[in-house]
Amino acid sequence: DHPFIFIIQERETGNILFLGRVVDPTQ
């Protein structure tokens, strides 16, 4: 299983505001 990776990107400028990775705590 792989960690869940998510990116929040500002739509107008295309700058990445937040890049995060969450590992499933149940494993």
C-alpha atoms as a PDB file:
ATOM      1  CA  ASP A   1       0.000   0.000   0.000  1.00  0.00           C
ATOM      2  CA  HIS A   2       1.147   3.517  -0.767  1.00  0.00           C
ATOM      3  CA  PRO A   3       0.652   6.700   1.274  1.00  0.00           C
ATOM      4  CA  PHE A   4      -2.073   9.051   0.107  1.00  0.00           C
ATOM      5  CA  ILE A   5      -0.504  12.081  -1.567  1.00  0.00           C
ATOM      6  CA  PHE A   6      -2.431  15.300  -2.038  1.00  0.00           C
ATOM      7  CA  ILE A   7      -1.700  18.696  -3.518  1.00  0.00           C
ATOM      8  CA  ILE A   8      -3.636  21.933  -3.072  1.00  0.00           C
ATOM      9  CA  GLN A   9      -2.875  24.212  -5.994  1.00  0.00           C
ATOM     10  CA  GLU A  10      -3.856  27.851  -6.410  1.00  0.00           C
ATOM     11  CA  ARG A  11      -5.886  27.836  -9.616  1.00  0.00           C
ATOM     12  CA  GLU A  12      -4.963  31.212 -11.092  1.00  0.00           C
ATOM     13  CA  THR A  13      -1.208  31.251 -10.582  1.00  0.00           C
ATOM     14  CA  GLY A  14      -0.595  27.517 -10.550  1.00  0.00           C
ATOM     15  CA  ASN A  15       1.523  27.800  -7.424  1.00  0.00           C
ATOM     16  CA  ILE A  16       1.419  24.797  -5.144  1.00  0.00           C
ATOM     17  CA  LEU A  17       0.130  26.081  -1.810  1.00  0.00           C
ATOM     18  CA  PHE A  18       0.304  22.795   0.016  1.00  0.00           C
ATOM     19  CA  LEU A  19       1.844  19.411  -0.667  1.00  0.00           C
ATOM     20  CA  GLY A  20       1.219  16.698   1.836  1.00  0.00           C
ATOM     21  CA  ARG A  21       1.422  12.999   2.396  1.00  0.00           C
ATOM     22  CA  VAL A  22      -0.730  11.001   4.740  1.00  0.00           C
ATOM     23  CA  VAL A  23       0.139   7.489   5.813  1.00  0.00           C
ATOM     24  CA  ASP A  24      -2.810   5.293   6.752  1.00  0.00           C
ATOM     25  CA  PRO A  25      -2.679   5.086  10.572  1.00  0.00           C
ATOM     26  CA  THR A  26      -4.546   1.769  10.601  1.00  0.00           C
ATOM     27  CA  GLN A  27      -1.625  -0.139   9.139  1.00  0.00           C
END
